[in-house]
């Protein structure tokens, strides 16, 4: 038996858990999340979303963290 086969066999036996991301309850943040889910290739930055919502980018970050417990980070391939 190869050294890598045992860990791979163990991983195959683990149950698959559903992915659940927290969703905000704030209506404007819900709209942002809905837009990102609908178009994950959208290149809008955090500043762009803040501008669309009419808030400061720091406000967007604080609100998102408070609502979801997660940071409003950049998606892969995006720059600030």
PDB file of N, CA and C in Angstrom:
ATOM      1  N   UNK A   1       0.847  -1.179   0.000  1.00  0.00           N
ATOM      2  CA  UNK A   1       0.000   0.000   0.000  1.00  0.00           C
ATOM      3  C   UNK A   1       0.891   1.239   0.000  1.00  0.00           C
ATOM      4  N   UNK A   2       0.574   2.177  -0.879  1.00  0.00           N
ATOM      5  CA  UNK A   2       1.398   3.382  -0.951  1.00  0.00           C
ATOM      6  C   UNK A   2       1.126   4.282   0.254  1.00  0.00           C
ATOM      7  N   UNK A   3       2.062   5.165   0.523  1.00  0.00           N
ATOM      8  CA  UNK A   3       1.953   6.073   1.662  1.00  0.00           C
ATOM      9  C   UNK A   3       0.756   7.004   1.501  1.00  0.00           C
ATOM     10  N   UNK A   4       0.441   7.415   0.292  1.00  0.00           N
ATOM     11  CA  UNK A   4      -0.672   8.344   0.055  1.00  0.00           C
ATOM     12  C   UNK A   4      -2.025   7.653   0.004  1.00  0.00           C
ATOM     13  N   UNK A   5      -2.055   6.374  -0.194  1.00  0.00           N
ATOM     14  CA  UNK A   5      -3.328   5.682  -0.344  1.00  0.00           C
ATOM     15  C   UNK A   5      -4.143   5.692   0.949  1.00  0.00           C
ATOM     16  N   UNK A   6      -3.515   5.501   2.095  1.00  0.00           N
ATOM     17  CA  UNK A   6      -4.235   5.474   3.363  1.00  0.00           C
ATOM     18  C   UNK A   6      -4.940   6.802   3.639  1.00  0.00           C
ATOM     19  N   UNK A   7      -4.262   7.949   3.542  1.00  0.00           N
ATOM     20  CA  UNK A   7      -4.983   9.211   3.779  1.00  0.00           C
ATOM     21  C   UNK A   7      -6.123   9.433   2.788  1.00  0.00           C
ATOM     22  N   UNK A   8      -5.916   9.048   1.532  1.00  0.00           N
ATOM     23  CA  UNK A   8      -6.973   9.213   0.543  1.00  0.00           C
ATOM     24  C   UNK A   8      -8.163   8.312   0.849  1.00  0.00           C
ATOM     25  N   UNK A   9      -7.911   7.096   1.282  1.00  0.00           N
ATOM     26  CA  UNK A   9      -8.994   6.195   1.669  1.00  0.00           C
ATOM     27  C   UNK A   9      -9.758   6.764   2.865  1.00  0.00           C
ATOM     28  N   UNK A  10      -9.034   7.337   3.813  1.00  0.00           N
ATOM     29  CA  UNK A  10      -9.673   7.949   4.982  1.00  0.00           C
ATOM     30  C   UNK A  10     -10.545   9.137   4.573  1.00  0.00           C
ATOM     31  N   UNK A  11     -10.054   9.951   3.674  1.00  0.00           N
ATOM     32  CA  UNK A  11     -10.818  11.111   3.215  1.00  0.00           C
ATOM     33  C   UNK A  11     -12.100  10.699   2.498  1.00  0.00           C
ATOM     34  N   UNK A  12     -12.038   9.638   1.729  1.00  0.00           N
ATOM     35  CA  UNK A  12     -13.224   9.165   1.005  1.00  0.00           C
ATOM     36  C   UNK A  12     -14.336   8.724   1.956  1.00  0.00           C
ATOM     37  N   UNK A  13     -13.978   8.310   3.163  1.00  0.00           N
ATOM     38  CA  UNK A  13     -14.967   7.811   4.117  1.00  0.00           C
ATOM     39  C   UNK A  13     -15.605   8.927   4.940  1.00  0.00           C
ATOM     40  N   UNK A  14     -15.038  10.126   4.897  1.00  0.00           N
ATOM     41  CA  UNK A  14     -15.602  11.236   5.656  1.00  0.00           C
ATOM     42  C   UNK A  14     -16.929  11.680   5.049  1.00  0.00           C
ATOM     43  N   UNK A  15     -17.882  12.039   5.870  1.00  0.00           N
ATOM     44  CA  UNK A  15     -19.161  12.523   5.318  1.00  0.00           C
ATOM     45  C   UNK A  15     -18.983  13.882   4.650  1.00  0.00           C
ATOM     46  N   UNK A  16     -19.736  14.116   3.605  1.00  0.00           N
ATOM     47  CA  UNK A  16     -19.719  15.401   2.921  1.00  0.00           C
ATOM     48  C   UNK A  16     -20.728  16.313   3.602  1.00  0.00           C
ATOM     49  N   UNK A  17     -20.255  17.443   4.046  1.00  0.00           N
ATOM     50  CA  UNK A  17     -21.133  18.401   4.714  1.00  0.00           C
ATOM     51  C   UNK A  17     -21.539  19.488   3.731  1.00  0.00           C
ATOM     52  N   UNK A  18     -22.782  19.954   3.819  1.00  0.00           N
ATOM     53  CA  UNK A  18     -23.204  21.022   2.910  1.00  0.00           C
ATOM     54  C   UNK A  18     -22.486  22.326   3.247  1.00  0.00           C
ATOM     55  N   UNK A  19     -22.199  23.106   2.217  1.00  0.00           N
ATOM     56  CA  UNK A  19     -21.574  24.402   2.411  1.00  0.00           C
ATOM     57  C   UNK A  19     -22.660  25.412   2.727  1.00  0.00           C
ATOM     58  N   UNK A  20     -22.514  26.085   3.843  1.00  0.00           N
ATOM     59  CA  UNK A  20     -23.491  27.095   4.228  1.00  0.00           C
ATOM     60  C   UNK A  20     -22.751  28.381   4.556  1.00  0.00           C
ATOM     61  N   UNK A  21     -22.978  29.374   3.753  1.00  0.00           N
ATOM     62  CA  UNK A  21     -22.390  30.677   4.010  1.00  0.00           C
ATOM     63  C   UNK A  21     -23.432  31.554   4.688  1.00  0.00           C
ATOM     64  N   UNK A  22     -23.023  32.329   5.677  1.00  0.00           N
ATOM     65  CA  UNK A  22     -23.986  33.205   6.341  1.00  0.00           C
ATOM     66  C   UNK A  22     -24.483  34.280   5.387  1.00  0.00           C
ATOM     67  N   UNK A  23     -25.758  34.562   5.468  1.00  0.00           N
ATOM     68  CA  UNK A  23     -26.363  35.597   4.619  1.00  0.00           C
ATOM     69  C   UNK A  23     -26.750  36.783   5.488  1.00  0.00           C
ATOM     70  N   UNK A  24     -26.494  37.991   5.015  1.00  0.00           N
ATOM     71  CA  UNK A  24     -26.871  39.172   5.794  1.00  0.00           C
ATOM     72  C   UNK A  24     -28.383  39.357   5.808  1.00  0.00           C
ATOM     73  N   UNK A  25     -28.868  40.036   6.828  1.00  0.00           N
ATOM     74  CA  UNK A  25     -30.295  40.366   6.888  1.00  0.00           C
ATOM     75  C   UNK A  25     -30.560  41.792   6.420  1.00  0.00           C
ATOM     76  N   UNK A  26     -29.513  42.602   6.359  1.00  0.00           N
ATOM     77  CA  UNK A  26     -29.643  43.985   5.896  1.00  0.00           C
ATOM     78  C   UNK A  26     -30.012  43.961   4.411  1.00  0.00           C
ATOM     79  N   UNK A  27     -31.100  44.642   4.023  1.00  0.00           N
ATOM     80  CA  UNK A  27     -31.573  44.565   2.627  1.00  0.00           C
ATOM     81  C   UNK A  27     -30.529  44.962   1.589  1.00  0.00           C
ATOM     82  N   UNK A  28     -29.748  46.003   1.850  1.00  0.00           N
ATOM     83  CA  UNK A  28     -28.757  46.426   0.851  1.00  0.00           C
ATOM     84  C   UNK A  28     -27.631  45.407   0.725  1.00  0.00           C
ATOM     85  N   UNK A  29     -27.237  44.803   1.844  1.00  0.00           N
ATOM     86  CA  UNK A  29     -26.214  43.765   1.763  1.00  0.00           C
ATOM     87  C   UNK A  29     -26.760  42.508   1.091  1.00  0.00           C
ATOM     88  N   UNK A  30     -28.027  42.207   1.320  1.00  0.00           N
ATOM     89  CA  UNK A  30     -28.646  41.072   0.628  1.00  0.00           C
ATOM     90  C   UNK A  30     -28.587  41.284  -0.881  1.00  0.00           C
ATOM     91  N   UNK A  31     -28.836  42.520  -1.303  1.00  0.00           N
ATOM     92  CA  UNK A  31     -28.800  42.832  -2.730  1.00  0.00           C
ATOM     93  C   UNK A  31     -27.396  42.628  -3.297  1.00  0.00           C
ATOM     94  N   UNK A  32     -26.369  43.022  -2.540  1.00  0.00           N
ATOM     95  CA  UNK A  32     -24.987  42.817  -2.976  1.00  0.00           C
ATOM     96  C   UNK A  32     -24.699  41.324  -3.104  1.00  0.00           C
ATOM     97  N   UNK A  33     -25.069  40.555  -2.081  1.00  0.00           N
ATOM     98  CA  UNK A  33     -24.818  39.105  -2.113  1.00  0.00           C
ATOM     99  C   UNK A  33     -25.579  38.441  -3.254  1.00  0.00           C
ATOM    100  N   UNK A  34     -26.824  38.839  -3.461  1.00  0.00           N
ATOM    101  CA  UNK A  34     -27.603  38.282  -4.566  1.00  0.00           C
ATOM    102  C   UNK A  34     -26.940  38.579  -5.910  1.00  0.00           C
ATOM    103  N   UNK A  35     -26.427  39.801  -6.058  1.00  0.00           N
ATOM    104  CA  UNK A  35     -25.766  40.180  -7.310  1.00  0.00           C
ATOM    105  C   UNK A  35     -24.496  39.369  -7.523  1.00  0.00           C
ATOM    106  N   UNK A  36     -23.736  39.136  -6.449  1.00  0.00           N
ATOM    107  CA  UNK A  36     -22.503  38.351  -6.574  1.00  0.00           C
ATOM    108  C   UNK A  36     -22.818  36.900  -6.926  1.00  0.00           C
ATOM    109  N   UNK A  37     -23.857  36.342  -6.309  1.00  0.00           N
ATOM    110  CA  UNK A  37     -24.244  34.964  -6.616  1.00  0.00           C
ATOM    111  C   UNK A  37     -24.735  34.860  -8.064  1.00  0.00           C
ATOM    112  N   UNK A  38     -25.487  35.856  -8.515  1.00  0.00           N
ATOM    113  CA  UNK A  38     -26.032  35.836  -9.875  1.00  0.00           C
ATOM    114  C   UNK A  38     -24.945  36.013 -10.931  1.00  0.00           C
ATOM    115  N   UNK A  39     -23.888  36.755 -10.588  1.00  0.00           N
ATOM    116  CA  UNK A  39     -22.819  37.020 -11.555  1.00  0.00           C
ATOM    117  C   UNK A  39     -21.473  36.931 -10.849  1.00  0.00           C
ATOM    118  N   UNK A  40     -21.018  35.721 -10.517  1.00  0.00           N
ATOM    119  CA  UNK A  40     -19.764  35.585  -9.774  1.00  0.00           C
ATOM    120  C   UNK A  40     -18.540  36.116 -10.514  1.00  0.00           C
ATOM    121  N   UNK A  41     -18.660  36.344 -11.812  1.00  0.00           N
ATOM    122  CA  UNK A  41     -17.537  36.889 -12.576  1.00  0.00           C
ATOM    123  C   UNK A  41     -17.517  38.412 -12.580  1.00  0.00           C
ATOM    124  N   UNK A  42     -18.487  39.048 -11.919  1.00  0.00           N
ATOM    125  CA  UNK A  42     -18.525  40.507 -11.804  1.00  0.00           C
ATOM    126  C   UNK A  42     -17.259  40.973 -11.092  1.00  0.00           C
ATOM    127  N   UNK A  43     -16.599  41.950 -11.624  1.00  0.00           N
ATOM    128  CA  UNK A  43     -15.319  42.411 -11.093  1.00  0.00           C
ATOM    129  C   UNK A  43     -15.454  43.621 -10.159  1.00  0.00           C
ATOM    130  N   UNK A  44     -16.657  43.901  -9.682  1.00  0.00           N
ATOM    131  CA  UNK A  44     -16.869  45.049  -8.804  1.00  0.00           C
ATOM    132  C   UNK A  44     -16.075  44.895  -7.513  1.00  0.00           C
ATOM    133  N   UNK A  45     -15.335  45.922  -7.143  1.00  0.00           N
ATOM    134  CA  UNK A  45     -14.543  45.918  -5.920  1.00  0.00           C
ATOM    135  C   UNK A  45     -15.420  46.340  -4.739  1.00  0.00           C
ATOM    136  N   UNK A  46     -14.870  46.221  -3.534  1.00  0.00           N
ATOM    137  CA  UNK A  46     -15.581  46.675  -2.338  1.00  0.00           C
ATOM    138  C   UNK A  46     -15.924  48.154  -2.461  1.00  0.00           C
ATOM    139  N   UNK A  47     -14.995  48.950  -2.993  1.00  0.00           N
ATOM    140  CA  UNK A  47     -15.275  50.386  -3.185  1.00  0.00           C
ATOM    141  C   UNK A  47     -16.424  50.576  -4.170  1.00  0.00           C
ATOM    142  N   UNK A  48     -16.462  49.771  -5.212  1.00  0.00           N
ATOM    143  CA  UNK A  48     -17.552  49.854  -6.182  1.00  0.00           C
ATOM    144  C   UNK A  48     -18.896  49.531  -5.556  1.00  0.00           C
ATOM    145  N   UNK A  49     -18.939  48.483  -4.720  1.00  0.00           N
ATOM    146  CA  UNK A  49     -20.189  48.139  -4.037  1.00  0.00           C
ATOM    147  C   UNK A  49     -20.588  49.248  -3.067  1.00  0.00           C
ATOM    148  N   UNK A  50     -19.619  49.799  -2.348  1.00  0.00           N
ATOM    149  CA  UNK A  50     -19.914  50.888  -1.422  1.00  0.00           C
ATOM    150  C   UNK A  50     -20.492  52.082  -2.179  1.00  0.00           C
ATOM    151  N   UNK A  51     -19.918  52.405  -3.319  1.00  0.00           N
ATOM    152  CA  UNK A  51     -20.430  53.510  -4.136  1.00  0.00           C
ATOM    153  C   UNK A  51     -21.865  53.242  -4.579  1.00  0.00           C
ATOM    154  N   UNK A  52     -22.134  52.020  -5.001  1.00  0.00           N
ATOM    155  CA  UNK A  52     -23.502  51.656  -5.422  1.00  0.00           C
ATOM    156  C   UNK A  52     -24.499  51.799  -4.276  1.00  0.00           C
ATOM    157  N   UNK A  53     -24.047  51.482  -3.059  1.00  0.00           N
ATOM    158  CA  UNK A  53     -24.926  51.557  -1.894  1.00  0.00           C
ATOM    159  C   UNK A  53     -24.984  52.959  -1.297  1.00  0.00           C
ATOM    160  N   UNK A  54     -24.081  53.825  -1.725  1.00  0.00           N
ATOM    161  CA  UNK A  54     -24.053  55.182  -1.197  1.00  0.00           C
ATOM    162  C   UNK A  54     -23.485  55.253   0.209  1.00  0.00           C
ATOM    163  N   UNK A  55     -22.528  54.373   0.519  1.00  0.00           N
ATOM    164  CA  UNK A  55     -21.894  54.364   1.837  1.00  0.00           C
ATOM    165  C   UNK A  55     -20.383  54.380   1.663  1.00  0.00           C
ATOM    166  N   UNK A  56     -19.687  54.710   2.733  1.00  0.00           N
ATOM    167  CA  UNK A  56     -18.233  54.648   2.728  1.00  0.00           C
ATOM    168  C   UNK A  56     -17.813  53.183   2.708  1.00  0.00           C
ATOM    169  N   UNK A  57     -16.679  52.884   2.079  1.00  0.00           N
ATOM    170  CA  UNK A  57     -16.218  51.506   1.991  1.00  0.00           C
ATOM    171  C   UNK A  57     -15.989  50.907   3.379  1.00  0.00           C
ATOM    172  N   UNK A  58     -15.533  51.723   4.338  1.00  0.00           N
ATOM    173  CA  UNK A  58     -15.341  51.216   5.697  1.00  0.00           C
ATOM    174  C   UNK A  58     -16.673  50.824   6.325  1.00  0.00           C
ATOM    175  N   UNK A  59     -17.721  51.570   6.013  1.00  0.00           N
ATOM    176  CA  UNK A  59     -19.056  51.230   6.504  1.00  0.00           C
ATOM    177  C   UNK A  59     -19.510  49.893   5.933  1.00  0.00           C
ATOM    178  N   UNK A  60     -19.256  49.692   4.644  1.00  0.00           N
ATOM    179  CA  UNK A  60     -19.595  48.417   4.010  1.00  0.00           C
ATOM    180  C   UNK A  60     -18.890  47.265   4.715  1.00  0.00           C
ATOM    181  N   UNK A  61     -17.600  47.423   4.963  1.00  0.00           N
ATOM    182  CA  UNK A  61     -16.828  46.374   5.623  1.00  0.00           C
ATOM    183  C   UNK A  61     -17.350  46.094   7.037  1.00  0.00           C
ATOM    184  N   UNK A  62     -17.603  47.143   7.799  1.00  0.00           N
ATOM    185  CA  UNK A  62     -18.096  46.953   9.175  1.00  0.00           C
ATOM    186  C   UNK A  62     -19.471  46.296   9.194  1.00  0.00           C
ATOM    187  N   UNK A  63     -20.362  46.757   8.322  1.00  0.00           N
ATOM    188  CA  UNK A  63     -21.714  46.205   8.267  1.00  0.00           C
ATOM    189  C   UNK A  63     -21.694  44.737   7.847  1.00  0.00           C
ATOM    190  N   UNK A  64     -20.887  44.426   6.848  1.00  0.00           N
ATOM    191  CA  UNK A  64     -20.812  43.043   6.382  1.00  0.00           C
ATOM    192  C   UNK A  64     -20.276  42.132   7.477  1.00  0.00           C
ATOM    193  N   UNK A  65     -19.241  42.594   8.191  1.00  0.00           N
ATOM    194  CA  UNK A  65     -18.680  41.807   9.279  1.00  0.00           C
ATOM    195  C   UNK A  65     -19.716  41.598  10.382  1.00  0.00           C
ATOM    196  N   UNK A  66     -20.433  42.647  10.741  1.00  0.00           N
ATOM    197  CA  UNK A  66     -21.452  42.539  11.787  1.00  0.00           C
ATOM    198  C   UNK A  66     -22.589  41.601  11.377  1.00  0.00           C
ATOM    199  N   UNK A  67     -22.985  41.663  10.119  1.00  0.00           N
ATOM    200  CA  UNK A  67     -24.115  40.867   9.634  1.00  0.00           C
ATOM    201  C   UNK A  67     -23.771  39.392   9.408  1.00  0.00           C
ATOM    202  N   UNK A  68     -22.538  39.109   8.972  1.00  0.00           N
ATOM    203  CA  UNK A  68     -22.206  37.741   8.569  1.00  0.00           C
ATOM    204  C   UNK A  68     -21.130  37.083   9.425  1.00  0.00           C
ATOM    205  N   UNK A  69     -20.374  37.894  10.173  1.00  0.00           N
ATOM    206  CA  UNK A  69     -19.249  37.345  10.915  1.00  0.00           C
ATOM    207  C   UNK A  69     -18.041  37.098  10.029  1.00  0.00           C
ATOM    208  N   UNK A  70     -18.118  37.538   8.782  1.00  0.00           N
ATOM    209  CA  UNK A  70     -17.032  37.359   7.809  1.00  0.00           C
ATOM    210  C   UNK A  70     -16.616  38.723   7.270  1.00  0.00           C
ATOM    211  N   UNK A  71     -15.401  38.793   6.765  1.00  0.00           N
ATOM    212  CA  UNK A  71     -14.963  40.025   6.134  1.00  0.00           C
ATOM    213  C   UNK A  71     -15.458  40.065   4.694  1.00  0.00           C
ATOM    214  N   UNK A  72     -15.657  41.275   4.195  1.00  0.00           N
ATOM    215  CA  UNK A  72     -16.023  41.462   2.792  1.00  0.00           C
ATOM    216  C   UNK A  72     -14.715  41.551   2.032  1.00  0.00           C
ATOM    217  N   UNK A  73     -14.142  40.389   1.706  1.00  0.00           N
ATOM    218  CA  UNK A  73     -12.836  40.332   1.071  1.00  0.00           C
ATOM    219  C   UNK A  73     -12.943  40.364  -0.433  1.00  0.00           C
ATOM    220  N   UNK A  74     -11.798  40.545  -1.014  1.00  0.00           N
ATOM    221  CA  UNK A  74     -11.735  40.516  -2.472  1.00  0.00           C
ATOM    222  C   UNK A  74     -11.826  39.086  -2.954  1.00  0.00           C
ATOM    223  N   UNK A  75     -12.527  38.906  -4.031  1.00  0.00           N
ATOM    224  CA  UNK A  75     -12.589  37.591  -4.661  1.00  0.00           C
ATOM    225  C   UNK A  75     -11.328  37.373  -5.486  1.00  0.00           C
ATOM    226  N   UNK A  76     -10.961  36.119  -5.750  1.00  0.00           N
ATOM    227  CA  UNK A  76      -9.732  35.850  -6.507  1.00  0.00           C
ATOM    228  C   UNK A  76      -9.720  36.618  -7.824  1.00  0.00           C
ATOM    229  N   UNK A  77      -8.570  37.196  -8.120  1.00  0.00           N
ATOM    230  CA  UNK A  77      -8.407  37.906  -9.383  1.00  0.00           C
ATOM    231  C   UNK A  77      -8.780  39.366  -9.321  1.00  0.00           C
ATOM    232  N   UNK A  78      -9.323  39.843  -8.202  1.00  0.00           N
ATOM    233  CA  UNK A  78      -9.725  41.243  -8.106  1.00  0.00           C
ATOM    234  C   UNK A  78      -8.668  42.027  -7.341  1.00  0.00           C
ATOM    235  N   UNK A  79      -8.593  43.278  -7.669  1.00  0.00           N
ATOM    236  CA  UNK A  79      -7.712  44.169  -6.922  1.00  0.00           C
ATOM    237  C   UNK A  79      -8.555  45.223  -6.228  1.00  0.00           C
ATOM    238  N   UNK A  80      -7.982  45.864  -5.244  1.00  0.00           N
ATOM    239  CA  UNK A  80      -8.720  46.889  -4.493  1.00  0.00           C
ATOM    240  C   UNK A  80      -8.949  48.046  -5.371  1.00  0.00           C
TER     241      UNK A  80
END
